[in-house]
Amino acid sequence: MKFATKKDVLLMSFFRNNARENLTRISRITRIPVSTIFDKLRDYEKELVKKHTTLLDFRKLGFDIKVNVLYRISRDSREEFKNFVMMHENVNSIFKINNGFDFLVEAIFRDLNDYHKFNEQLEKFNIQVKQEMFILEDLKREGFLSDMNKTESLFVEE
């Protein structure tokens, strides 16, 4: 599915906004038959949907530190570093990037002491450059394709 139709984008925006939305309600709003929505959802799950998930407010769970860290790792340590952060319980997301860095790591911690312990564990890797950015507040998260009123330019006519 290389190009999304207006119907696809409309349905994707509903699913991105609330994946638990009742298909009958979506059908009523979009005027697309429930059977079509069901079939489209199954197709999306085969081709597009990587994972159904829930966005949590980690601060309400007692995890007050959210940090994004850019890392440049020496070539001989990259794979070992990647494997370590992939398995670490505090790491939420990892991205392989460019422009002078190798990885962007998003991690969540209860406090700065836990973050400090994490950094101590990373000392065994040959980290050449590290740049930290502490997230103070999520202003917008997972918003792309979640508002059907803002997706007009993203579809092709059917």
Protein backbone atom coordinates (compact mmCIF):
# COMPACT_ATOMS: atom_id res chain seq x y z
CA MET A 1 0.00 0.00 0.00
CA LYS A 2 2.19 2.79 -1.28
CA PHE A 3 -0.40 5.55 -1.67
CA ALA A 4 -3.24 5.97 0.77
CA THR A 5 -6.70 6.86 -0.49
CA LYS A 6 -8.95 9.36 1.26
CA LYS A 7 -10.83 6.46 2.86
CA ASP A 8 -7.57 4.89 4.10
CA VAL A 9 -6.33 8.13 5.63
CA LEU A 10 -9.72 8.75 7.24
CA LEU A 11 -9.74 5.29 8.83
CA MET A 12 -6.08 5.47 9.85
CA SER A 13 -6.72 8.78 11.60
CA PHE A 14 -9.54 7.17 13.61
CA PHE A 15 -7.33 4.21 14.55
CA ARG A 16 -4.35 6.45 15.40
CA ASN A 17 -6.52 8.65 17.59
CA ASN A 18 -8.22 5.78 19.44
CA ALA A 19 -7.46 2.19 18.41
CA ARG A 20 -10.19 0.94 20.73
CA GLU A 21 -12.95 2.92 19.01
CA ASN A 22 -16.03 0.87 18.21
CA LEU A 23 -16.18 0.00 14.49
CA THR A 24 -19.93 0.67 14.43
CA ARG A 25 -19.35 4.21 15.69
CA ILE A 26 -16.60 4.77 13.10
CA SER A 27 -18.97 3.49 10.42
CA ARG A 28 -21.68 5.92 11.53
CA ILE A 29 -19.28 8.89 11.45
CA THR A 30 -17.49 8.01 8.19
CA ARG A 31 -20.44 6.42 6.35
CA ILE A 32 -18.18 3.49 5.49
CA PRO A 33 -19.78 0.06 6.02
CA VAL A 34 -18.62 -1.82 9.12
CA SER A 35 -17.61 -4.80 6.98
CA THR A 36 -15.33 -2.57 4.88
CA ILE A 37 -13.78 -1.04 8.01
CA PHE A 38 -13.19 -4.51 9.45
CA ASP A 39 -11.54 -5.71 6.24
CA LYS A 40 -9.40 -2.55 6.00
CA LEU A 41 -8.30 -2.97 9.62
CA ARG A 42 -7.19 -6.55 8.94
CA ASP A 43 -5.28 -5.37 5.84
CA TYR A 44 -3.61 -2.58 7.84
CA GLU A 45 -2.58 -5.08 10.51
CA LYS A 46 -0.88 -7.21 7.85
CA GLU A 47 0.83 -4.35 6.00
CA LEU A 48 1.03 -1.19 8.13
CA VAL A 49 0.40 -1.64 11.83
CA LYS A 50 3.61 -2.45 13.66
CA LYS A 51 2.09 -2.70 17.11
CA HIS A 52 -1.05 -1.75 19.03
CA THR A 53 0.06 0.12 22.12
CA THR A 54 -1.00 2.51 24.88
CA LEU A 55 0.68 5.84 25.61
CA LEU A 56 1.26 6.18 29.35
CA ASP A 57 1.89 9.18 31.58
CA PHE A 58 5.09 7.85 33.16
CA ARG A 59 5.22 10.67 35.73
CA LYS A 60 1.96 9.46 37.24
CA LEU A 61 3.67 6.07 37.67
CA GLY A 62 6.57 7.68 39.54
CA PHE A 63 9.03 7.93 36.64
CA ASP A 64 9.89 11.62 36.65
CA ILE A 65 12.95 11.62 34.36
CA LYS A 66 12.57 11.29 30.60
CA VAL A 67 15.72 11.86 28.60
CA ASN A 68 16.69 11.67 24.95
CA VAL A 69 20.40 11.05 24.49
CA LEU A 70 22.43 11.23 21.30
CA TYR A 71 25.42 8.88 21.22
CA ARG A 72 28.41 8.57 18.94
CA ILE A 73 29.99 5.19 19.61
CA SER A 74 33.30 3.91 18.30
CA ARG A 75 32.83 1.46 15.46
CA ASP A 76 34.14 -1.50 17.48
CA SER A 77 31.56 -0.96 20.29
CA ARG A 78 28.41 -0.11 18.28
CA GLU A 79 26.87 -3.56 18.09
CA GLU A 80 27.53 -4.34 21.74
CA PHE A 81 26.15 -0.92 22.77
CA LYS A 82 23.05 -1.42 20.62
CA ASN A 83 22.40 -4.85 22.13
CA PHE A 84 22.84 -3.50 25.65
CA VAL A 85 20.41 -0.58 25.27
CA MET A 86 17.92 -2.76 23.36
CA MET A 87 17.67 -5.02 26.41
CA HIS A 88 17.80 -2.34 29.13
CA GLU A 89 14.54 -2.00 31.08
CA ASN A 90 14.64 1.80 31.23
CA VAL A 91 15.06 2.32 27.49
CA ASN A 92 11.78 3.20 25.80
CA SER A 93 12.91 3.79 22.20
CA ILE A 94 16.11 3.54 20.17
CA PHE A 95 16.78 5.05 16.78
CA LYS A 96 19.76 4.61 14.48
CA ILE A 97 20.57 8.11 13.22
CA ASN A 98 23.11 10.14 11.25
CA ASN A 99 24.65 13.65 11.30
CA GLY A 100 27.56 12.86 13.58
CA PHE A 101 25.76 10.48 15.92
CA ASP A 102 24.95 6.78 15.78
CA PHE A 103 21.97 6.37 18.13
CA LEU A 104 19.18 8.36 19.71
CA VAL A 105 18.03 6.69 22.93
CA GLU A 106 14.87 7.66 24.80
CA ALA A 107 14.91 6.41 28.37
CA ILE A 108 12.66 6.76 31.42
CA PHE A 109 13.89 6.81 35.04
CA ARG A 110 12.40 7.30 38.50
CA ASP A 111 15.02 9.90 39.39
CA LEU A 112 18.44 11.29 38.49
CA ASN A 113 20.13 8.69 40.67
CA ASP A 114 18.72 5.89 38.47
CA TYR A 115 19.85 7.77 35.38
CA HIS A 116 23.32 8.11 36.89
CA LYS A 117 23.46 4.32 37.48
CA PHE A 118 22.47 3.78 33.83
CA ASN A 119 25.32 6.05 32.71
CA GLU A 120 27.76 4.12 34.88
CA GLN A 121 26.72 0.92 33.10
CA LEU A 122 27.46 2.58 29.75
CA GLU A 123 31.04 3.44 30.74
CA LYS A 124 32.24 0.05 29.43
CA PHE A 125 31.40 1.15 25.87
CA ASN A 126 33.61 3.47 23.88
CA ILE A 127 31.26 6.47 23.83
CA GLN A 128 32.94 9.24 21.86
CA VAL A 129 30.23 11.90 22.17
CA LYS A 130 27.08 12.07 24.27
CA GLN A 131 24.46 14.82 24.19
CA GLU A 132 21.58 14.73 26.69
CA MET A 133 18.22 16.41 26.36
CA PHE A 134 15.87 16.11 29.33
CA ILE A 135 12.21 16.18 28.34
CA LEU A 136 10.31 18.59 30.56
CA GLU A 137 6.88 18.16 28.98
CA ASP A 138 5.30 16.29 26.07
CA LEU A 139 3.63 18.98 24.00
CA LYS A 140 2.56 16.66 21.18
CA ARG A 141 3.09 12.93 20.95
CA GLU A 142 2.10 10.51 18.18
CA GLY A 143 0.03 13.15 16.40
CA PHE A 144 0.81 12.34 12.76
CA LEU A 145 -2.29 10.98 10.98
CA SER A 146 -4.38 11.21 14.15
CA ASP A 147 -6.60 14.14 13.14
CA MET A 148 -8.80 13.48 10.13
CA ASN A 149 -9.34 17.24 9.66
CA LYS A 150 -5.61 17.80 9.08
CA THR A 151 -4.92 14.97 6.64
CA GLU A 152 -6.50 16.31 3.44
CA SER A 153 -3.19 16.74 1.59
CA LEU A 154 -1.98 13.22 2.43
CA PHE A 155 -4.32 11.17 0.29
CA VAL A 156 -4.87 10.44 -3.39
CA GLU A 157 -8.32 10.47 -4.91
CA GLU A 158 -9.99 7.08 -5.26
